[in-house]
Every structure is written in structure tokens, then in C-alpha cells.
N, C-alpha and C. Protein backbone atom coordinates (compact mmCIF):
# COMPACT_ATOMS: atom_id res chain seq x y z
N UNK A 1 -19.34 11.43 36.97
CA UNK A 1 -19.77 11.41 35.61
C UNK A 1 -20.31 10.01 35.29
N UNK A 2 -21.37 9.97 34.52
CA UNK A 2 -21.92 8.70 34.08
C UNK A 2 -22.26 8.80 32.61
N UNK A 3 -22.50 7.65 32.00
CA UNK A 3 -22.79 7.68 30.57
C UNK A 3 -23.53 6.44 30.13
N UNK A 4 -23.91 6.48 28.85
CA UNK A 4 -24.58 5.37 28.21
C UNK A 4 -23.80 5.02 26.95
N UNK A 5 -23.81 3.76 26.57
CA UNK A 5 -23.21 3.31 25.34
C UNK A 5 -24.15 2.36 24.63
N UNK A 6 -24.23 2.50 23.32
CA UNK A 6 -25.09 1.63 22.49
C UNK A 6 -24.22 1.06 21.39
N UNK A 7 -24.28 -0.26 21.23
CA UNK A 7 -23.47 -0.92 20.20
C UNK A 7 -24.17 -2.19 19.77
N UNK A 8 -24.23 -2.41 18.48
CA UNK A 8 -24.87 -3.62 17.94
C UNK A 8 -23.94 -4.82 17.95
N UNK A 9 -22.64 -4.58 17.87
CA UNK A 9 -21.65 -5.66 17.80
C UNK A 9 -21.32 -6.17 19.20
N UNK A 10 -21.58 -7.44 19.46
CA UNK A 10 -21.41 -8.04 20.78
C UNK A 10 -19.95 -7.96 21.27
N UNK A 11 -19.00 -8.18 20.38
CA UNK A 11 -17.59 -8.13 20.79
C UNK A 11 -17.21 -6.71 21.19
N UNK A 12 -17.62 -5.73 20.41
CA UNK A 12 -17.26 -4.34 20.71
C UNK A 12 -17.87 -3.85 22.01
N UNK A 13 -19.09 -4.27 22.30
CA UNK A 13 -19.71 -3.83 23.54
C UNK A 13 -19.04 -4.49 24.75
N UNK A 14 -18.58 -5.73 24.60
CA UNK A 14 -17.85 -6.39 25.69
C UNK A 14 -16.52 -5.69 25.93
N UNK A 15 -15.83 -5.31 24.86
CA UNK A 15 -14.57 -4.56 25.00
C UNK A 15 -14.81 -3.22 25.67
N UNK A 16 -15.89 -2.54 25.30
CA UNK A 16 -16.20 -1.25 25.92
C UNK A 16 -16.49 -1.41 27.40
N UNK A 17 -17.19 -2.47 27.76
CA UNK A 17 -17.51 -2.74 29.17
C UNK A 17 -16.23 -2.99 29.96
N UNK A 18 -15.35 -3.80 29.44
CA UNK A 18 -14.07 -4.08 30.11
C UNK A 18 -13.28 -2.78 30.29
N UNK A 19 -13.22 -1.99 29.23
CA UNK A 19 -12.50 -0.72 29.28
C UNK A 19 -13.09 0.22 30.34
N UNK A 20 -14.42 0.34 30.37
CA UNK A 20 -15.07 1.21 31.34
C UNK A 20 -14.82 0.72 32.77
N UNK A 21 -14.87 -0.59 32.98
CA UNK A 21 -14.62 -1.14 34.30
C UNK A 21 -13.19 -0.91 34.76
N UNK A 22 -12.23 -1.10 33.85
CA UNK A 22 -10.83 -0.87 34.20
C UNK A 22 -10.57 0.59 34.58
N UNK A 23 -11.27 1.49 33.92
CA UNK A 23 -11.08 2.92 34.19
C UNK A 23 -12.05 3.43 35.28
N UNK A 24 -12.87 2.54 35.80
CA UNK A 24 -13.83 2.87 36.86
C UNK A 24 -14.80 3.99 36.46
N UNK A 25 -15.32 3.91 35.22
CA UNK A 25 -16.31 4.85 34.73
C UNK A 25 -17.69 4.21 34.86
N UNK A 26 -18.65 4.99 35.29
CA UNK A 26 -20.03 4.51 35.42
C UNK A 26 -20.75 4.64 34.07
N UNK A 27 -20.73 3.61 33.29
CA UNK A 27 -21.35 3.61 31.97
C UNK A 27 -22.30 2.42 31.88
N UNK A 28 -23.51 2.69 31.45
CA UNK A 28 -24.50 1.65 31.22
C UNK A 28 -24.53 1.36 29.72
N UNK A 29 -24.33 0.09 29.36
CA UNK A 29 -24.27 -0.29 27.95
C UNK A 29 -25.53 -1.01 27.52
N UNK A 30 -25.91 -0.76 26.26
CA UNK A 30 -27.06 -1.40 25.65
C UNK A 30 -26.61 -2.12 24.39
N UNK A 31 -26.81 -3.43 24.36
CA UNK A 31 -26.47 -4.22 23.17
C UNK A 31 -27.67 -4.21 22.26
N UNK A 32 -27.70 -3.28 21.30
CA UNK A 32 -28.82 -3.15 20.40
C UNK A 32 -28.42 -2.31 19.20
N UNK A 33 -29.29 -2.30 18.22
CA UNK A 33 -29.14 -1.43 17.06
C UNK A 33 -29.31 0.01 17.55
N UNK A 34 -28.34 0.84 17.32
CA UNK A 34 -28.38 2.22 17.79
C UNK A 34 -29.44 3.08 17.12
N UNK A 35 -30.04 2.58 16.06
CA UNK A 35 -31.11 3.31 15.39
C UNK A 35 -32.49 2.79 15.77
N UNK A 36 -32.53 1.76 16.58
CA UNK A 36 -33.80 1.29 17.14
C UNK A 36 -34.19 2.27 18.26
N UNK A 37 -35.45 2.24 18.70
CA UNK A 37 -35.83 3.16 19.79
C UNK A 37 -34.92 2.98 21.01
N UNK A 38 -34.46 4.11 21.55
CA UNK A 38 -33.62 4.11 22.74
C UNK A 38 -34.48 4.53 23.93
N UNK A 39 -34.46 3.75 24.97
CA UNK A 39 -35.28 4.04 26.13
C UNK A 39 -34.40 4.61 27.23
N UNK A 40 -33.84 5.79 26.94
CA UNK A 40 -33.00 6.50 27.90
C UNK A 40 -33.48 7.95 27.93
N UNK A 41 -33.20 8.63 29.03
CA UNK A 41 -33.50 10.05 29.13
C UNK A 41 -32.52 10.84 28.26
N UNK A 42 -32.89 12.05 27.84
CA UNK A 42 -31.95 12.87 27.07
C UNK A 42 -30.66 13.11 27.83
N UNK A 43 -29.57 13.22 27.09
CA UNK A 43 -28.23 13.34 27.68
C UNK A 43 -27.65 14.73 27.39
N UNK A 44 -26.60 15.08 28.13
CA UNK A 44 -25.92 16.37 27.96
C UNK A 44 -25.05 16.41 26.72
N UNK A 45 -24.48 15.27 26.36
CA UNK A 45 -23.57 15.23 25.21
C UNK A 45 -23.61 13.86 24.54
N UNK A 46 -23.42 13.87 23.23
CA UNK A 46 -23.32 12.64 22.45
C UNK A 46 -21.97 12.69 21.73
N UNK A 47 -21.22 11.60 21.83
CA UNK A 47 -19.94 11.47 21.13
C UNK A 47 -20.03 10.21 20.30
N UNK A 48 -19.74 10.35 18.99
CA UNK A 48 -19.89 9.18 18.12
C UNK A 48 -18.94 9.21 16.94
N UNK A 49 -18.38 8.05 16.65
CA UNK A 49 -17.68 7.81 15.38
C UNK A 49 -18.74 7.18 14.50
N UNK A 50 -19.39 8.01 13.70
CA UNK A 50 -20.55 7.55 12.94
C UNK A 50 -20.21 6.43 11.96
N UNK A 51 -20.99 5.36 11.98
CA UNK A 51 -20.79 4.31 10.97
C UNK A 51 -21.25 4.86 9.61
N UNK A 52 -20.42 4.69 8.62
CA UNK A 52 -20.69 5.24 7.29
C UNK A 52 -21.24 4.15 6.39
N UNK A 53 -22.29 4.46 5.68
CA UNK A 53 -22.86 3.51 4.75
C UNK A 53 -24.37 3.51 4.80
N UNK A 54 -24.93 2.54 4.14
CA UNK A 54 -26.40 2.42 4.08
C UNK A 54 -26.93 1.66 5.27
N UNK A 55 -28.10 2.05 5.74
CA UNK A 55 -28.79 1.35 6.81
C UNK A 55 -29.72 0.33 6.18
N UNK A 56 -29.50 -0.95 6.41
CA UNK A 56 -30.26 -1.98 5.71
C UNK A 56 -31.71 -2.15 6.17
N UNK A 57 -32.07 -1.63 7.33
CA UNK A 57 -33.43 -1.79 7.85
C UNK A 57 -34.30 -0.65 7.33
N UNK A 58 -34.89 -0.84 6.17
CA UNK A 58 -35.70 0.22 5.55
C UNK A 58 -36.96 0.52 6.35
N UNK A 59 -37.51 -0.48 7.04
CA UNK A 59 -38.70 -0.23 7.87
C UNK A 59 -38.31 0.67 9.05
N UNK A 60 -37.19 0.36 9.69
CA UNK A 60 -36.71 1.19 10.79
C UNK A 60 -36.37 2.60 10.33
N UNK A 61 -35.74 2.72 9.16
CA UNK A 61 -35.37 4.03 8.63
C UNK A 61 -36.59 4.88 8.31
N UNK A 62 -37.71 4.25 8.03
CA UNK A 62 -38.91 5.02 7.64
C UNK A 62 -39.43 5.91 8.77
N UNK A 63 -38.96 5.68 10.00
CA UNK A 63 -39.39 6.48 11.14
C UNK A 63 -38.61 7.79 11.26
N UNK A 64 -37.61 7.99 10.43
CA UNK A 64 -36.72 9.15 10.53
C UNK A 64 -37.03 10.19 9.48
N UNK A 65 -36.85 11.48 9.85
CA UNK A 65 -37.01 12.57 8.89
C UNK A 65 -35.93 12.51 7.82
N UNK A 66 -34.74 12.04 8.16
CA UNK A 66 -33.62 12.00 7.22
C UNK A 66 -33.57 10.73 6.39
N UNK A 67 -34.65 9.98 6.36
CA UNK A 67 -34.70 8.78 5.52
C UNK A 67 -34.57 9.18 4.05
N UNK A 68 -34.09 8.28 3.26
CA UNK A 68 -33.95 8.52 1.81
C UNK A 68 -35.34 8.57 1.18
N UNK A 69 -35.49 9.44 0.20
CA UNK A 69 -36.76 9.50 -0.53
C UNK A 69 -36.97 8.24 -1.35
N UNK A 70 -35.87 7.69 -1.84
CA UNK A 70 -35.90 6.44 -2.62
C UNK A 70 -34.69 5.61 -2.22
N UNK A 71 -34.87 4.31 -2.12
CA UNK A 71 -33.76 3.41 -1.81
C UNK A 71 -33.39 3.44 -0.34
N UNK A 72 -32.19 2.95 -0.05
CA UNK A 72 -31.74 2.86 1.34
C UNK A 72 -31.20 4.19 1.85
N UNK A 73 -31.37 4.42 3.13
CA UNK A 73 -30.93 5.65 3.78
C UNK A 73 -29.49 5.50 4.26
N UNK A 74 -28.82 6.64 4.40
CA UNK A 74 -27.47 6.64 4.96
C UNK A 74 -27.56 6.51 6.47
N UNK A 75 -26.86 5.53 7.02
CA UNK A 75 -26.88 5.30 8.46
C UNK A 75 -26.33 6.52 9.20
N UNK A 76 -25.27 7.15 8.67
CA UNK A 76 -24.68 8.27 9.36
C UNK A 76 -25.67 9.44 9.49
N UNK A 77 -26.51 9.65 8.51
CA UNK A 77 -27.52 10.71 8.62
C UNK A 77 -28.55 10.35 9.68
N UNK A 78 -28.97 9.10 9.72
CA UNK A 78 -29.96 8.67 10.70
C UNK A 78 -29.40 8.74 12.13
N UNK A 79 -28.11 8.42 12.29
CA UNK A 79 -27.48 8.53 13.62
C UNK A 79 -27.43 9.97 14.09
N UNK A 80 -27.21 10.90 13.18
CA UNK A 80 -27.22 12.31 13.56
C UNK A 80 -28.61 12.69 14.09
N UNK A 81 -29.63 12.29 13.36
CA UNK A 81 -31.00 12.59 13.81
C UNK A 81 -31.31 11.93 15.14
N UNK A 82 -30.93 10.67 15.31
CA UNK A 82 -31.16 9.96 16.56
C UNK A 82 -30.45 10.66 17.72
N UNK A 83 -29.25 11.15 17.47
CA UNK A 83 -28.47 11.83 18.50
C UNK A 83 -29.12 13.15 18.90
N UNK A 84 -29.57 13.92 17.91
CA UNK A 84 -30.25 15.18 18.20
C UNK A 84 -31.50 14.92 19.04
N UNK A 85 -32.22 13.88 18.71
CA UNK A 85 -33.47 13.52 19.42
C UNK A 85 -33.19 13.17 20.89
N UNK A 86 -32.00 12.65 21.20
CA UNK A 86 -31.70 12.20 22.55
C UNK A 86 -30.73 13.09 23.29
N UNK A 87 -30.56 14.34 22.82
CA UNK A 87 -29.69 15.30 23.46
C UNK A 87 -30.52 16.40 24.09
N UNK A 88 -30.19 16.78 25.32
CA UNK A 88 -30.91 17.85 26.00
C UNK A 88 -30.77 19.17 25.23
N UNK A 89 -31.73 20.05 25.43
CA UNK A 89 -31.66 21.40 24.89
C UNK A 89 -30.35 22.04 25.40
N UNK A 90 -29.57 22.60 24.50
CA UNK A 90 -28.29 23.21 24.88
C UNK A 90 -27.17 22.19 25.04
N UNK A 91 -27.44 20.92 24.70
CA UNK A 91 -26.42 19.88 24.80
C UNK A 91 -25.42 19.94 23.66
N UNK A 92 -24.46 19.04 23.69
CA UNK A 92 -23.35 19.01 22.73
C UNK A 92 -23.36 17.72 21.92
N UNK A 93 -23.02 17.85 20.66
CA UNK A 93 -22.91 16.69 19.76
C UNK A 93 -21.53 16.72 19.12
N UNK A 94 -20.79 15.63 19.29
CA UNK A 94 -19.46 15.51 18.70
C UNK A 94 -19.43 14.29 17.80
N UNK A 95 -19.17 14.49 16.52
CA UNK A 95 -19.18 13.39 15.56
C UNK A 95 -17.89 13.36 14.75
N UNK A 96 -17.40 12.17 14.49
CA UNK A 96 -16.37 11.98 13.47
C UNK A 96 -17.15 11.68 12.19
N UNK A 97 -16.97 12.51 11.18
CA UNK A 97 -17.72 12.36 9.94
C UNK A 97 -16.77 12.32 8.75
N UNK A 98 -17.24 11.72 7.65
CA UNK A 98 -16.41 11.70 6.44
C UNK A 98 -16.38 13.07 5.78
N UNK A 99 -15.33 13.34 5.01
CA UNK A 99 -15.22 14.62 4.32
C UNK A 99 -16.38 14.87 3.37
N UNK A 100 -16.98 13.84 2.83
CA UNK A 100 -18.02 14.00 1.82
C UNK A 100 -19.45 14.05 2.39
N UNK A 101 -19.59 14.19 3.69
CA UNK A 101 -20.93 14.09 4.29
C UNK A 101 -21.92 15.10 3.72
N UNK A 102 -21.44 16.27 3.31
CA UNK A 102 -22.35 17.30 2.77
C UNK A 102 -22.32 17.35 1.25
N UNK A 103 -21.82 16.28 0.61
CA UNK A 103 -21.74 16.25 -0.84
C UNK A 103 -22.53 15.09 -1.46
N UNK A 104 -23.18 14.28 -0.66
CA UNK A 104 -23.89 13.12 -1.17
C UNK A 104 -25.23 13.50 -1.77
N UNK A 105 -25.87 12.54 -2.40
CA UNK A 105 -27.19 12.79 -2.99
C UNK A 105 -28.25 13.07 -1.92
N UNK A 106 -28.01 12.64 -0.69
CA UNK A 106 -28.96 12.86 0.40
C UNK A 106 -28.57 14.06 1.27
N UNK A 107 -27.50 14.76 0.89
CA UNK A 107 -26.98 15.88 1.69
C UNK A 107 -27.97 17.06 1.82
N UNK A 108 -28.74 17.40 0.78
CA UNK A 108 -29.66 18.54 0.95
C UNK A 108 -30.64 18.36 2.12
N UNK A 109 -31.11 17.15 2.31
CA UNK A 109 -32.02 16.88 3.43
C UNK A 109 -31.29 17.04 4.76
N UNK A 110 -30.03 16.61 4.83
CA UNK A 110 -29.22 16.77 6.04
C UNK A 110 -28.99 18.25 6.33
N UNK A 111 -28.66 19.03 5.29
CA UNK A 111 -28.48 20.48 5.45
C UNK A 111 -29.72 21.11 6.07
N UNK A 112 -30.89 20.78 5.53
CA UNK A 112 -32.14 21.35 6.04
C UNK A 112 -32.41 20.96 7.47
N UNK A 113 -32.04 19.73 7.85
CA UNK A 113 -32.26 19.25 9.21
C UNK A 113 -31.37 19.96 10.21
N UNK A 114 -30.12 20.16 9.81
CA UNK A 114 -29.16 20.80 10.72
C UNK A 114 -29.45 22.28 10.82
């Protein structure tokens, strides 16, 4: 089994690398914004504890279908779209999401996307 990991926080990605090495898992890590373009092939499964809140990069968010019509976009919605884009047909998506994910002002767009 092999995998990829993307993390913007330098400390967290170093901890993930140490953990993967100790467990002898073949994981390639990318230290970058997870909503920036990912240069990896589609994967069989995505597992994510979605970061909740607004995505401050409005220019980057403008590339997504789930961007907010006005103001800043929800990062967790954009991560769902990014994950779908990088998952193989018939692949699996596992997310930890907040209880209110389908109750926000941007939820109708998320419903339509899913």
C-alpha cells in the first residue's frame, strides 16, 4: 500500500513523515496548500479531517465550483471538491465533517455538487 499526504503546516507534515517512517508505510508527502493544484494521479481513496472555516485565498478559491458567490469561501467545501477531483471513478471519500455542514449559507451549492 502507498499513499500521498498534503499539509500546509511544516510541523504537522514532519510529524506525519516520522509516523509513516516508524510504521514503515510508503507515503509521499507534499508541503503545500492542499487547495493549490495537486500534481498527483487520481487515487483510490481520500481520507481527511477537513479544516473548518474560511479559505483566505480568494483568488485560489475562484477556481472552484463551490466557491462562495460573495465573500470568502468555506475551506471544507473546497476540500471536498478538490478530493472528488483527485479520486478515481468508483473511489472512496472519507471525511470528518461538522454537524452543521449542510446548514450553512453555502450549503445549497454543496448539496447540488454532491
